[in-house]
């Protein structure tokens, strides 16, 4: 506890870890490029500089607050320094802003307007570097990089992947994968977290909206869309709504306005996943083999495990992710109709996740040249589509999902938040158990934003241990502890993105610290108000498993080539 004097005003501080946070507490929004509270302090951009009573300037993000400290945030010297820094960044920046996906949301652009930069005194110093379009999920444009290091730190410190780093020195310095290779050639897992922290258009989502328009305008195509749970609590942010505000009815209406024929909820795929994954878990638990069972819903986690822990891959559930499971079911459902009508069904997924683009392109999700999911666009891309057409999103009349897959459970909806998969699976396992207290305690244990959460419950005298982890670096540590025998579990849920899908790499970028909690709360609210609480209570799921999916293991599970050849 202490008191600082900021621009002549006394400001108390307590748990703020640096001067910058105290300044912001005082209601002053100092600009930053390289500061994120969840990442290490870098202090490279110098935009958050302040001045003390002796005229010394320093980066407020890297200075610890001290009782009695007096600083100024907007002296003539600071104004000059900030404008000069910004002009130098702009001189080295590809200023083709009209063709950039971050136009209107670029922090560099925003600060140029805020600081009144009308002209740049320095000659353009940029040497055009090749744009890296090798990834299925993101595009890297080094010509728009300002060397803030945000992508490098999030990739290493949060995800533990280390696919990006600094190379060379001085004016030659760049951010690049090892040995200046394409991003698709290194250990990148397509999670897109680098894109969520990039302040400019240096890392953007690989936009595939042109594919959507191509199939919509093709009269021989039946265009079917599925919407992931996390999309409905984030898309509204692009239209002035708060994180967590549920807009699912408007999303359905928007997609119909765009020309999509049928719109379904990926939560239906999640309901199928719950049934299949819980059956798989019970089998392995009973037989005492293949434990712990790791979830397979997150493609970034699956790829990370393949890269880092190939010996643990067999412990990952064989269940397809909800996206892929639902895609294969939709293709099967429309197969006969397509033959009768001379059409081809195209499945479009609207996902919060950039890794879903790469997942849909995997070999095991293609059969006889036909993909389970044809096109994946992110929440951000959907926002672009809506804006492109001129749809006034906030004024749309809400519409319902189409049938026959229009009913979903609350268990399927909460898949979008960390802990949601575990909660849904356990809900089914305990469906016949009278001890509701056990369920309540367990759910409290798996909800929330702690890095690693644990829960223990009893099933017919057997103590079952669960773990929920989000963020790949946390997952890495947990797996290492499991392999060493330090920790022991029966079931482990892994989500690559901190907070789960609600904070996926394809979601709208938000500086709001509580965005993950706010979005998750939106999903839990839907769960509380859902008439169908658990997946096995969904009558459409039951009829589907008794009908079309009876003995169709191939539609719901991954079948590796090695297995097929046996």
Protein backbone atom coordinates (compact mmCIF):
# COMPACT_ATOMS: atom_id res chain seq x y z
CA UNK A 1 0.00 0.00 0.00
CA UNK A 2 1.34 3.42 -0.91
CA UNK A 3 0.63 6.74 -2.58
CA UNK A 4 1.99 8.15 -5.82
CA UNK A 5 1.60 11.66 -7.20
CA UNK A 6 0.58 11.53 -10.85
CA UNK A 7 0.24 14.84 -12.71
CA UNK A 8 -0.21 16.58 -9.38
CA UNK A 9 -2.88 14.17 -8.09
CA UNK A 10 -2.45 11.69 -5.24
CA UNK A 11 -3.19 8.12 -6.30
CA UNK A 12 -3.15 5.19 -3.90
CA UNK A 13 -1.78 1.85 -5.05
CA UNK A 14 -1.82 -1.60 -3.53
CA UNK A 15 -1.46 -4.66 -5.75
CA UNK A 16 -0.53 -2.88 -8.97
CA UNK A 17 2.68 -4.48 -10.19
CA UNK A 18 4.04 -1.49 -12.13
CA UNK A 19 3.68 2.25 -12.52
CA UNK A 20 1.67 1.80 -15.72
CA UNK A 21 -1.13 0.04 -13.87
CA UNK A 22 -1.21 2.79 -11.25
CA UNK A 23 -1.41 5.42 -14.00
CA UNK A 24 -4.30 3.59 -15.61
CA UNK A 25 -5.94 3.29 -12.21
CA UNK A 26 -5.80 7.09 -12.10
CA UNK A 27 -7.88 7.18 -15.28
CA UNK A 28 -5.05 7.95 -17.70
CA UNK A 29 -4.78 5.61 -20.68
CA UNK A 30 -1.08 5.64 -21.52
CA UNK A 31 -0.47 4.08 -24.92
CA UNK A 32 1.38 0.75 -25.21
CA UNK A 33 2.26 -1.72 -27.90
CA UNK A 34 4.31 -4.29 -26.05
CA UNK A 35 2.54 -4.49 -22.68
CA UNK A 36 0.17 -7.28 -21.79
CA UNK A 37 -0.48 -7.97 -18.13
CA UNK A 38 -0.33 -11.74 -18.63
CA UNK A 39 3.06 -11.61 -20.40
CA UNK A 40 6.56 -10.75 -19.19
CA UNK A 41 7.66 -7.13 -19.19
CA UNK A 42 9.49 -6.20 -22.37
CA UNK A 43 9.52 -2.39 -22.35
CA UNK A 44 10.53 -2.11 -26.00
CA UNK A 45 8.04 0.26 -27.54
CA UNK A 46 8.64 3.11 -25.04
CA UNK A 47 5.19 4.54 -25.67
CA UNK A 48 4.28 4.36 -22.00
CA UNK A 49 7.19 6.58 -20.91
CA UNK A 50 6.67 8.99 -18.01
CA UNK A 51 8.84 11.74 -16.54
CA UNK A 52 9.90 12.24 -12.92
CA UNK A 53 10.55 15.52 -11.10
CA UNK A 54 14.21 15.47 -12.19
CA UNK A 55 13.35 15.24 -15.87
CA UNK A 56 14.29 11.56 -16.14
CA UNK A 57 12.08 9.50 -18.44
CA UNK A 58 11.41 5.78 -18.09
CA UNK A 59 8.99 3.13 -19.31
CA UNK A 60 6.18 2.95 -16.77
CA UNK A 61 5.50 -0.72 -17.55
CA UNK A 62 8.92 -1.78 -16.23
CA UNK A 63 9.06 0.41 -13.11
CA UNK A 64 7.79 -0.70 -9.70
CA UNK A 65 5.58 1.89 -7.94
CA UNK A 66 7.05 3.40 -4.78
CA UNK A 67 5.43 5.34 -2.00
CA UNK A 68 5.93 9.07 -2.56
CA UNK A 69 6.96 8.69 -6.22
CA UNK A 70 5.97 11.70 -8.33
CA UNK A 71 5.64 11.47 -12.09
CA UNK A 72 4.19 13.31 -15.07
CA UNK A 73 2.51 11.63 -18.02
CA UNK A 74 2.05 14.40 -20.57
CA UNK A 75 4.89 16.94 -20.49
CA UNK A 76 6.13 18.65 -23.68
CA UNK A 77 9.15 16.31 -23.66
CA UNK A 78 6.92 13.22 -23.46
CA UNK A 79 4.64 14.49 -26.21
CA UNK A 80 7.65 15.03 -28.46
CA UNK A 81 9.16 11.61 -27.64
CA UNK A 82 5.92 9.72 -28.27
CA UNK A 83 5.28 11.42 -31.59
CA UNK A 84 8.86 10.82 -32.71
CA UNK A 85 8.68 7.14 -31.74
CA UNK A 86 5.40 6.77 -33.58
CA UNK A 87 6.71 8.50 -36.69
CA UNK A 88 9.75 6.21 -36.76
CA UNK A 89 7.48 3.16 -36.48
CA UNK A 90 5.29 4.46 -39.29
CA UNK A 91 8.36 5.14 -41.46
CA UNK A 92 9.25 1.46 -41.23
CA UNK A 93 5.67 0.28 -41.65
CA UNK A 94 3.82 -0.81 -44.76
CA UNK A 95 1.11 1.84 -44.75
CA UNK A 96 -1.19 0.16 -47.25
CA UNK A 97 -3.92 0.43 -44.63
CA UNK A 98 -6.92 0.19 -46.93
CA UNK A 99 -5.98 -3.39 -47.86
CA UNK A 100 -5.28 -4.46 -44.25
CA UNK A 101 -7.70 -6.59 -42.22
CA UNK A 102 -6.84 -4.54 -39.12
CA UNK A 103 -7.94 -1.22 -40.60
CA UNK A 104 -10.07 0.52 -38.01
CA UNK A 105 -8.78 -1.81 -35.29
CA UNK A 106 -5.03 -1.27 -35.66
CA UNK A 107 -3.36 0.14 -32.55
CA UNK A 108 -0.72 1.88 -34.66
CA UNK A 109 -3.41 3.56 -36.71
CA UNK A 110 -5.41 4.40 -33.59
CA UNK A 111 -2.42 6.07 -31.93
CA UNK A 112 -1.50 8.01 -35.06
CA UNK A 113 -4.97 9.54 -34.99
CA UNK A 114 -4.88 10.05 -31.22
CA UNK A 115 -1.53 11.83 -31.27
CA UNK A 116 -2.42 13.90 -34.31
CA UNK A 117 0.22 12.51 -36.69
CA UNK A 118 -0.60 14.24 -39.99
CA UNK A 119 2.71 13.77 -41.74
CA UNK A 120 5.83 11.69 -41.25
CA UNK A 121 9.10 13.59 -41.24
CA UNK A 122 11.21 10.53 -42.00
CA UNK A 123 11.71 8.84 -45.32
CA UNK A 124 10.08 5.48 -45.80
CA UNK A 125 12.71 2.98 -44.73
CA UNK A 126 10.98 -0.30 -45.40
CA UNK A 127 12.43 -3.00 -47.62
CA UNK A 128 9.56 -5.19 -48.71
CA UNK A 129 9.79 -8.69 -47.28
CA UNK A 130 7.82 -11.68 -48.58
CA UNK A 131 4.43 -12.33 -46.95
CA UNK A 132 4.15 -15.77 -45.36
CA UNK A 133 0.88 -17.40 -46.46
CA UNK A 134 2.02 -20.98 -45.85
CA UNK A 135 -0.18 -21.61 -42.82
CA UNK A 136 -3.75 -22.84 -43.16
CA UNK A 137 -4.74 -20.57 -40.27
CA UNK A 138 -2.82 -17.29 -40.25
CA UNK A 139 -0.94 -14.93 -42.56
CA UNK A 140 2.31 -13.27 -41.46
CA UNK A 141 3.16 -9.90 -43.01
CA UNK A 142 6.58 -8.82 -41.68
CA UNK A 143 6.19 -5.48 -43.44
CA UNK A 144 3.58 -4.49 -40.85
CA UNK A 145 5.58 -5.73 -37.85
CA UNK A 146 6.64 -3.10 -35.29
CA UNK A 147 8.90 -5.50 -33.32
CA UNK A 148 6.84 -5.22 -30.13
CA UNK A 149 7.58 -8.90 -29.41
CA UNK A 150 4.03 -9.68 -28.28
CA UNK A 151 3.70 -12.67 -30.60
CA UNK A 152 7.09 -14.05 -29.57
CA UNK A 153 6.25 -13.87 -25.88
CA UNK A 154 2.73 -15.29 -26.08
CA UNK A 155 3.97 -18.19 -28.21
CA UNK A 156 6.72 -19.01 -25.71
CA UNK A 157 5.33 -17.93 -22.35
CA UNK A 158 1.67 -18.91 -22.71
CA UNK A 159 1.72 -21.65 -25.32
CA UNK A 160 5.21 -23.06 -24.81
CA UNK A 161 5.56 -23.55 -28.56
CA UNK A 162 8.28 -21.04 -29.42
CA UNK A 163 7.48 -20.97 -33.12
CA UNK A 164 8.50 -17.30 -33.42
CA UNK A 165 11.60 -15.43 -32.32
CA UNK A 166 13.72 -12.37 -33.08
CA UNK A 167 16.45 -12.68 -35.69
CA UNK A 168 19.32 -10.40 -36.74
CA UNK A 169 20.17 -7.09 -35.10
CA UNK A 170 19.68 -3.35 -35.40
CA UNK A 171 17.74 -2.17 -38.42
CA UNK A 172 17.82 -5.72 -39.84
CA UNK A 173 15.91 -7.21 -36.90
CA UNK A 174 12.78 -9.19 -37.75
CA UNK A 175 10.37 -11.57 -36.07
CA UNK A 176 10.47 -14.92 -37.82
CA UNK A 177 10.30 -18.69 -37.33
CA UNK A 178 13.62 -20.46 -36.83
CA UNK A 179 16.06 -20.16 -39.74
CA UNK A 180 13.63 -17.77 -41.42
CA UNK A 181 11.46 -20.67 -42.53
CA UNK A 182 7.76 -20.47 -43.35
CA UNK A 183 5.49 -20.77 -40.32
CA UNK A 184 3.97 -23.98 -41.71
CA UNK A 185 7.40 -25.63 -41.59
CA UNK A 186 7.96 -25.21 -37.85
CA UNK A 187 6.19 -26.24 -34.66
CA UNK A 188 3.28 -23.80 -34.98
CA UNK A 189 0.03 -25.45 -33.79
CA UNK A 190 -2.28 -22.93 -35.53
CA UNK A 191 -3.80 -21.69 -32.26
CA UNK A 192 -3.72 -18.06 -33.42
CA UNK A 193 -2.86 -16.59 -30.03
CA UNK A 194 -0.09 -14.61 -31.73
CA UNK A 195 -2.77 -12.90 -33.78
CA UNK A 196 -4.79 -11.94 -30.69
CA UNK A 197 -1.90 -9.90 -29.24
CA UNK A 198 -0.49 -8.42 -32.45
CA UNK A 199 -1.26 -4.65 -32.39
CA UNK A 200 -1.10 -4.29 -36.18
CA UNK A 201 -1.81 -6.37 -39.28
CA UNK A 202 1.49 -8.25 -39.03
CA UNK A 203 -0.38 -11.44 -38.08
CA UNK A 204 -3.93 -11.87 -39.30
CA UNK A 205 -6.43 -14.66 -39.80
CA UNK A 206 -6.22 -16.40 -43.17
CA UNK A 207 -9.42 -14.99 -44.60
CA UNK A 208 -11.47 -17.49 -46.62
CA UNK A 209 -14.64 -15.49 -47.07
CA UNK A 210 -14.20 -15.67 -50.85
CA UNK A 211 -14.84 -19.43 -50.60
CA UNK A 212 -18.10 -18.72 -48.77
CA UNK A 213 -19.29 -16.40 -51.54
CA UNK A 214 -18.28 -18.92 -54.22
CA UNK A 215 -20.50 -21.67 -52.79
CA UNK A 216 -23.38 -19.35 -51.88
CA UNK A 217 -23.58 -18.16 -55.50
CA UNK A 218 -23.37 -21.70 -56.88
CA UNK A 219 -26.93 -22.98 -57.47
CA UNK A 220 -25.69 -26.57 -57.51
CA UNK A 221 -24.51 -26.29 -53.90
CA UNK A 222 -26.57 -26.79 -50.75
CA UNK A 223 -24.80 -24.57 -48.23
CA UNK A 224 -25.11 -25.63 -44.60
CA UNK A 225 -23.49 -23.78 -41.71
CA UNK A 226 -22.74 -24.78 -38.13
CA UNK A 227 -21.99 -22.26 -35.37
CA UNK A 228 -19.68 -23.09 -32.46
CA UNK A 229 -20.90 -22.24 -28.93
CA UNK A 230 -18.18 -19.63 -28.26
CA UNK A 231 -19.08 -17.58 -31.36
CA UNK A 232 -22.43 -16.47 -29.91
CA UNK A 233 -20.84 -14.78 -26.88
CA UNK A 234 -18.16 -12.87 -28.79
CA UNK A 235 -19.44 -11.79 -32.21
CA UNK A 236 -21.50 -8.99 -30.68
CA UNK A 237 -18.30 -7.21 -29.62
CA UNK A 238 -17.72 -6.35 -33.28
CA UNK A 239 -21.02 -4.45 -33.23
CA UNK A 240 -20.65 -2.56 -29.98
CA UNK A 241 -22.02 -5.18 -27.58
CA UNK A 242 -20.31 -6.38 -24.40
CA UNK A 243 -18.31 -9.63 -24.15
CA UNK A 244 -20.60 -12.47 -23.12
CA UNK A 245 -23.74 -10.98 -24.64
CA UNK A 246 -25.55 -13.82 -26.40
CA UNK A 247 -26.40 -13.09 -30.03
CA UNK A 248 -27.10 -16.56 -31.40
CA UNK A 249 -30.55 -15.68 -32.85
CA UNK A 250 -29.09 -12.72 -34.72
CA UNK A 251 -26.20 -14.84 -36.00
CA UNK A 252 -28.65 -17.34 -37.49
CA UNK A 253 -30.57 -14.46 -39.09
CA UNK A 254 -27.36 -12.93 -40.46
CA UNK A 255 -26.25 -16.21 -42.03
CA UNK A 256 -29.67 -16.68 -43.63
CA UNK A 257 -29.48 -13.12 -44.98
CA UNK A 258 -26.07 -13.92 -46.47
CA UNK A 259 -27.64 -16.81 -48.39
CA UNK A 260 -26.89 -19.87 -46.23
CA UNK A 261 -29.56 -22.55 -46.78
CA UNK A 262 -29.55 -24.26 -43.37
CA UNK A 263 -28.01 -23.17 -40.07
CA UNK A 264 -27.23 -25.54 -37.21
CA UNK A 265 -25.57 -25.40 -33.79
CA UNK A 266 -22.21 -27.14 -33.29
CA UNK A 267 -23.48 -27.79 -29.75
CA UNK A 268 -25.38 -30.66 -31.38
CA UNK A 269 -22.00 -32.08 -32.41
CA UNK A 270 -20.84 -31.51 -28.83
CA UNK A 271 -23.81 -33.54 -27.58
CA UNK A 272 -22.73 -36.42 -29.81
CA UNK A 273 -19.17 -36.03 -28.57
CA UNK A 274 -20.31 -36.25 -24.95
CA UNK A 275 -22.09 -39.55 -25.63
CA UNK A 276 -19.18 -41.06 -27.49
CA UNK A 277 -16.40 -39.73 -25.26
CA UNK A 278 -18.10 -40.79 -22.05
CA UNK A 279 -18.64 -44.29 -23.50
CA UNK A 280 -14.98 -44.42 -24.47
CA UNK A 281 -13.96 -43.22 -21.01
CA UNK A 282 -16.10 -45.78 -19.20
CA UNK A 283 -14.67 -48.57 -21.36
CA UNK A 284 -11.08 -47.56 -20.64
CA UNK A 285 -11.84 -46.99 -16.98
CA UNK A 286 -13.41 -50.43 -16.66
CA UNK A 287 -10.59 -52.14 -18.52
CA UNK A 288 -7.90 -50.05 -16.79
CA UNK A 289 -6.09 -49.21 -20.02
CA UNK A 290 -5.21 -46.14 -22.04
CA UNK A 291 -5.46 -43.83 -19.04
CA UNK A 292 -5.53 -40.96 -18.59
CA UNK A 293 -7.89 -40.27 -21.46
CA UNK A 294 -7.14 -36.86 -22.99
CA UNK A 295 -9.84 -34.91 -24.79
CA UNK A 296 -9.64 -34.49 -28.57
CA UNK A 297 -11.87 -31.43 -29.08
CA UNK A 298 -8.99 -28.95 -29.45
CA UNK A 299 -6.98 -29.40 -32.68
CA UNK A 300 -4.15 -27.15 -31.48
CA UNK A 301 -3.70 -29.43 -28.46
CA UNK A 302 -3.79 -32.53 -30.68
CA UNK A 303 -1.09 -31.12 -32.94
CA UNK A 304 0.96 -30.00 -29.92
CA UNK A 305 0.79 -33.52 -28.48
CA UNK A 306 1.80 -35.03 -31.83
CA UNK A 307 4.83 -32.73 -31.90
CA UNK A 308 5.85 -32.85 -28.25
CA UNK A 309 4.48 -36.09 -26.80
CA UNK A 310 4.10 -38.63 -29.62
CA UNK A 311 4.16 -41.46 -27.06
CA UNK A 312 0.98 -40.05 -25.48
CA UNK A 313 -1.04 -39.67 -28.69
CA UNK A 314 -2.76 -43.04 -28.17
CA UNK A 315 -4.17 -41.62 -24.92
CA UNK A 316 -6.06 -38.95 -26.84
CA UNK A 317 -9.73 -39.79 -27.39
CA UNK A 318 -10.55 -41.25 -30.79
CA UNK A 319 -13.69 -39.09 -30.88
CA UNK A 320 -13.75 -36.51 -33.61
CA UNK A 321 -14.13 -32.95 -32.43
CA UNK A 322 -17.71 -31.60 -32.40
CA UNK A 323 -16.96 -29.69 -35.62
CA UNK A 324 -15.77 -32.78 -37.49
CA UNK A 325 -18.31 -35.14 -35.97
CA UNK A 326 -21.19 -32.88 -36.92
CA UNK A 327 -19.71 -32.27 -40.37
CA UNK A 328 -19.54 -36.00 -41.15
CA UNK A 329 -23.11 -36.49 -39.87
CA UNK A 330 -24.41 -33.62 -42.00
CA UNK A 331 -22.72 -35.04 -45.10
CA UNK A 332 -24.29 -38.44 -44.40
CA UNK A 333 -27.71 -36.94 -43.72
CA UNK A 334 -27.82 -34.99 -46.99
CA UNK A 335 -26.21 -37.74 -49.12
CA UNK A 336 -29.44 -39.19 -50.50
CA UNK A 337 -31.04 -35.75 -50.92
CA UNK A 338 -28.00 -34.61 -52.89
CA UNK A 339 -28.38 -37.57 -55.29
CA UNK A 340 -32.08 -36.88 -55.77
CA UNK A 341 -31.69 -33.14 -56.30
CA UNK A 342 -28.39 -33.19 -58.16
CA UNK A 343 -26.72 -31.02 -55.56
CA UNK A 344 -23.61 -31.10 -53.41
CA UNK A 345 -23.83 -30.25 -49.71
CA UNK A 346 -21.13 -27.86 -48.53
CA UNK A 347 -20.55 -27.62 -44.78
CA UNK A 348 -19.29 -24.29 -43.48
CA UNK A 349 -18.14 -24.00 -39.88
CA UNK A 350 -18.13 -20.72 -37.98
CA UNK A 351 -15.52 -21.21 -35.30
CA UNK A 352 -13.75 -19.17 -32.60
CA UNK A 353 -10.56 -21.00 -33.47
CA UNK A 354 -7.97 -20.59 -36.23
CA UNK A 355 -6.74 -24.15 -35.65
CA UNK A 356 -10.11 -25.45 -36.85
CA UNK A 357 -9.08 -24.44 -40.37
CA UNK A 358 -6.11 -26.80 -40.18
CA UNK A 359 -8.17 -29.51 -38.49
CA UNK A 360 -10.74 -29.59 -41.30
CA UNK A 361 -7.92 -30.13 -43.81
CA UNK A 362 -6.44 -33.18 -42.03
CA UNK A 363 -6.30 -36.44 -44.00
CA UNK A 364 -8.30 -38.46 -41.50
CA UNK A 365 -11.27 -36.11 -41.93
CA UNK A 366 -11.53 -36.74 -45.64
CA UNK A 367 -13.15 -39.82 -47.18
CA UNK A 368 -13.10 -40.61 -50.89
CA UNK A 369 -12.02 -37.04 -51.59
CA UNK A 370 -14.91 -35.57 -49.59
CA UNK A 371 -14.13 -33.52 -46.50
CA UNK A 372 -16.28 -33.64 -43.37
CA UNK A 373 -16.10 -29.84 -43.25
CA UNK A 374 -15.46 -27.90 -46.44
CA UNK A 375 -14.86 -24.34 -45.23
CA UNK A 376 -13.98 -22.93 -41.83
CA UNK A 377 -14.35 -19.25 -41.07
CA UNK A 378 -13.73 -17.60 -37.74
CA UNK A 379 -15.90 -15.29 -35.68
CA UNK A 380 -13.87 -12.38 -37.03
CA UNK A 381 -14.40 -13.46 -40.64
CA UNK A 382 -18.14 -13.72 -40.07
CA UNK A 383 -18.10 -10.14 -38.77
CA UNK A 384 -16.36 -9.10 -42.02
CA UNK A 385 -19.06 -10.84 -44.07
CA UNK A 386 -21.85 -9.14 -42.14
CA UNK A 387 -20.23 -5.72 -42.53
CA UNK A 388 -19.46 -6.33 -46.21
CA UNK A 389 -23.14 -6.87 -47.03
CA UNK A 390 -24.24 -3.94 -44.88
CA UNK A 391 -26.35 -5.95 -42.48
CA UNK A 392 -27.30 -3.90 -39.42
CA UNK A 393 -26.56 -6.70 -36.99
CA UNK A 394 -28.04 -5.16 -33.87
CA UNK A 395 -31.40 -4.61 -35.62
CA UNK A 396 -31.79 -8.16 -36.94
CA UNK A 397 -34.86 -10.14 -35.90
CA UNK A 398 -33.71 -13.30 -34.15
CA UNK A 399 -34.19 -16.62 -35.90
CA UNK A 400 -34.01 -20.21 -34.67
CA UNK A 401 -31.74 -23.03 -35.79
CA UNK A 402 -33.08 -25.32 -38.47
CA UNK A 403 -34.35 -28.82 -37.88
CA UNK A 404 -33.75 -31.75 -37.65
CA UNK A 405 -30.64 -30.79 -35.66
CA UNK A 406 -32.07 -27.74 -33.93
CA UNK A 407 -32.22 -29.08 -30.38
CA UNK A 408 -29.13 -28.94 -28.18
CA UNK A 409 -28.39 -29.40 -24.49
CA UNK A 410 -26.78 -27.03 -22.03
CA UNK A 411 -23.94 -29.56 -21.77
CA UNK A 412 -23.15 -29.06 -25.45
CA UNK A 413 -23.19 -25.28 -25.17
CA UNK A 414 -20.62 -25.06 -22.34
CA UNK A 415 -18.01 -26.84 -24.48
CA UNK A 416 -16.84 -23.38 -25.41
CA UNK A 417 -15.33 -22.67 -21.99
CA UNK A 418 -12.44 -24.37 -20.22
CA UNK A 419 -13.86 -27.15 -18.05
CA UNK A 420 -17.00 -27.42 -20.16
CA UNK A 421 -16.12 -30.75 -21.79
CA UNK A 422 -15.29 -32.31 -18.43
CA UNK A 423 -18.50 -31.01 -16.88
CA UNK A 424 -20.58 -32.37 -19.75
CA UNK A 425 -18.95 -35.82 -19.66
CA UNK A 426 -19.27 -36.14 -15.90
CA UNK A 427 -22.90 -34.96 -16.02
CA UNK A 428 -23.62 -37.98 -18.16
CA UNK A 429 -21.58 -40.37 -16.02
CA UNK A 430 -23.45 -39.27 -12.91
CA UNK A 431 -26.87 -39.08 -14.55
CA UNK A 432 -28.26 -41.96 -12.51
CA UNK A 433 -26.50 -41.11 -9.26
CA UNK A 434 -28.65 -39.59 -6.53
CA UNK A 435 -25.82 -37.63 -4.91
CA UNK A 436 -26.29 -34.21 -6.53
CA UNK A 437 -23.90 -32.64 -4.00
CA UNK A 438 -21.05 -34.50 -5.65
CA UNK A 439 -21.99 -32.99 -8.98
CA UNK A 440 -22.18 -29.47 -7.58
CA UNK A 441 -18.79 -29.73 -5.88
CA UNK A 442 -17.21 -31.19 -8.96
CA UNK A 443 -18.55 -28.44 -11.18
CA UNK A 444 -17.23 -25.75 -8.90
CA UNK A 445 -13.86 -27.43 -9.12
CA UNK A 446 -13.70 -27.50 -12.93
CA UNK A 447 -15.09 -24.03 -13.60
CA UNK A 448 -13.01 -20.88 -13.48
CA UNK A 449 -9.80 -19.57 -15.00
CA UNK A 450 -7.17 -21.31 -12.87
CA UNK A 451 -4.42 -22.77 -15.03
CA UNK A 452 -4.91 -26.32 -13.74
CA UNK A 453 -8.08 -27.48 -12.01
CA UNK A 454 -8.65 -30.84 -10.37
CA UNK A 455 -11.70 -32.75 -9.24
CA UNK A 456 -12.37 -36.09 -7.63
CA UNK A 457 -15.67 -37.94 -7.57
CA UNK A 458 -16.88 -41.43 -6.79
CA UNK A 459 -18.58 -43.77 -9.23
CA UNK A 460 -19.73 -47.09 -7.82
CA UNK A 461 -16.95 -47.13 -5.25
CA UNK A 462 -14.23 -46.07 -7.69
CA UNK A 463 -12.46 -42.78 -7.04
CA UNK A 464 -12.12 -40.98 -10.36
CA UNK A 465 -9.59 -38.16 -10.71
CA UNK A 466 -9.97 -35.43 -13.31
CA UNK A 467 -7.86 -32.52 -14.47
CA UNK A 468 -8.71 -29.49 -16.58
CA UNK A 469 -5.91 -27.43 -18.10
CA UNK A 470 -5.86 -24.53 -20.55
CA UNK A 471 -2.88 -22.87 -22.21
CA UNK A 472 -0.41 -25.22 -23.85
CA UNK A 473 2.51 -24.35 -21.60
CA UNK A 474 0.37 -25.39 -18.63
CA UNK A 475 -0.58 -28.56 -20.50
CA UNK A 476 3.09 -29.27 -21.16
CA UNK A 477 3.90 -29.09 -17.46
CA UNK A 478 0.91 -31.25 -16.54
CA UNK A 479 1.78 -33.97 -19.06
CA UNK A 480 5.39 -34.03 -17.83
CA UNK A 481 4.15 -34.52 -14.27
CA UNK A 482 1.82 -37.31 -15.40
CA UNK A 483 4.64 -39.06 -17.25
CA UNK A 484 6.93 -38.79 -14.23
CA UNK A 485 4.28 -40.19 -11.89
CA UNK A 486 4.05 -36.97 -9.90
CA UNK A 487 0.38 -36.62 -10.82
CA UNK A 488 -2.20 -39.24 -11.69
CA UNK A 489 -5.56 -38.81 -13.40
CA UNK A 490 -8.17 -40.81 -15.24
CA UNK A 491 -9.45 -38.00 -17.47
CA UNK A 492 -7.74 -34.81 -18.65
CA UNK A 493 -9.34 -31.98 -20.60
CA UNK A 494 -6.93 -29.78 -22.56
CA UNK A 495 -7.74 -26.50 -24.30
CA UNK A 496 -4.91 -24.72 -26.08
CA UNK A 497 -6.24 -21.21 -25.65
CA UNK A 498 -6.31 -19.57 -22.20
CA UNK A 499 -9.93 -19.69 -21.08
CA UNK A 500 -10.85 -22.21 -23.74
CA UNK A 501 -12.60 -21.60 -27.06
CA UNK A 502 -14.15 -18.35 -25.80
CA UNK A 503 -10.67 -16.83 -26.14
CA UNK A 504 -9.78 -18.60 -29.37
CA UNK A 505 -7.47 -17.13 -31.97
CA UNK A 506 -10.38 -16.37 -34.30
CA UNK A 507 -12.39 -14.32 -31.82
CA UNK A 508 -12.64 -10.51 -31.85
CA UNK A 509 -9.58 -8.92 -30.26
CA UNK A 510 -10.39 -7.41 -26.88
CA UNK A 511 -8.17 -5.59 -24.39
CA UNK A 512 -10.67 -6.32 -21.66
CA UNK A 513 -9.00 -8.51 -19.02
CA UNK A 514 -12.24 -10.20 -18.07
CA UNK A 515 -13.24 -11.08 -21.63
CA UNK A 516 -12.74 -14.82 -21.03
CA UNK A 517 -14.80 -14.80 -17.84
CA UNK A 518 -17.50 -12.61 -19.42
CA UNK A 519 -17.80 -14.84 -22.47
CA UNK A 520 -17.80 -18.02 -20.35
CA UNK A 521 -20.52 -16.59 -18.12
CA UNK A 522 -22.61 -16.02 -21.25
CA UNK A 523 -22.37 -19.75 -22.04
CA UNK A 524 -23.15 -20.78 -18.47
CA UNK A 525 -26.20 -18.52 -18.56
CA UNK A 526 -27.41 -20.39 -21.64
CA UNK A 527 -26.79 -23.66 -19.79
CA UNK A 528 -28.87 -22.53 -16.81
CA UNK A 529 -31.81 -21.55 -19.01
CA UNK A 530 -31.61 -24.59 -21.28
CA UNK A 531 -34.62 -26.91 -21.15
CA UNK A 532 -32.38 -29.87 -22.01
CA UNK A 533 -29.65 -30.11 -19.39
CA UNK A 534 -27.56 -33.07 -20.50
CA UNK A 535 -26.67 -34.64 -23.83
CA UNK A 536 -28.42 -37.97 -23.29
CA UNK A 537 -31.68 -36.07 -22.61
CA UNK A 538 -31.63 -34.63 -26.12
CA UNK A 539 -34.34 -36.63 -27.97
CA UNK A 540 -32.80 -35.87 -31.36
CA UNK A 541 -29.48 -37.33 -30.22
CA UNK A 542 -31.20 -40.49 -29.01
CA UNK A 543 -33.12 -40.98 -32.26
CA UNK A 544 -29.99 -40.31 -34.30
CA UNK A 545 -27.97 -42.95 -32.43
CA UNK A 546 -30.81 -45.43 -32.79
CA UNK A 547 -31.13 -44.67 -36.48
CA UNK A 548 -28.54 -43.22 -38.85
CA UNK A 549 -25.62 -43.55 -36.45
CA UNK A 550 -26.28 -47.11 -35.38
CA UNK A 551 -23.09 -49.07 -35.99
CA UNK A 552 -21.54 -46.01 -37.75
CA UNK A 553 -18.41 -45.70 -35.66
CA UNK A 554 -16.64 -44.38 -38.74
CA UNK A 555 -18.65 -41.14 -38.74
CA UNK A 556 -17.83 -40.28 -35.15
CA UNK A 557 -14.28 -41.48 -34.52
CA UNK A 558 -10.85 -40.98 -36.01
CA UNK A 559 -9.55 -44.02 -37.84
CA UNK A 560 -5.83 -43.86 -38.36
CA UNK A 561 -4.30 -45.50 -41.40
CA UNK A 562 -2.40 -47.95 -39.22
CA UNK A 563 -5.70 -49.10 -37.75
CA UNK A 564 -7.36 -49.32 -41.15
CA UNK A 565 -4.60 -51.58 -42.42
CA UNK A 566 -4.80 -54.01 -39.56
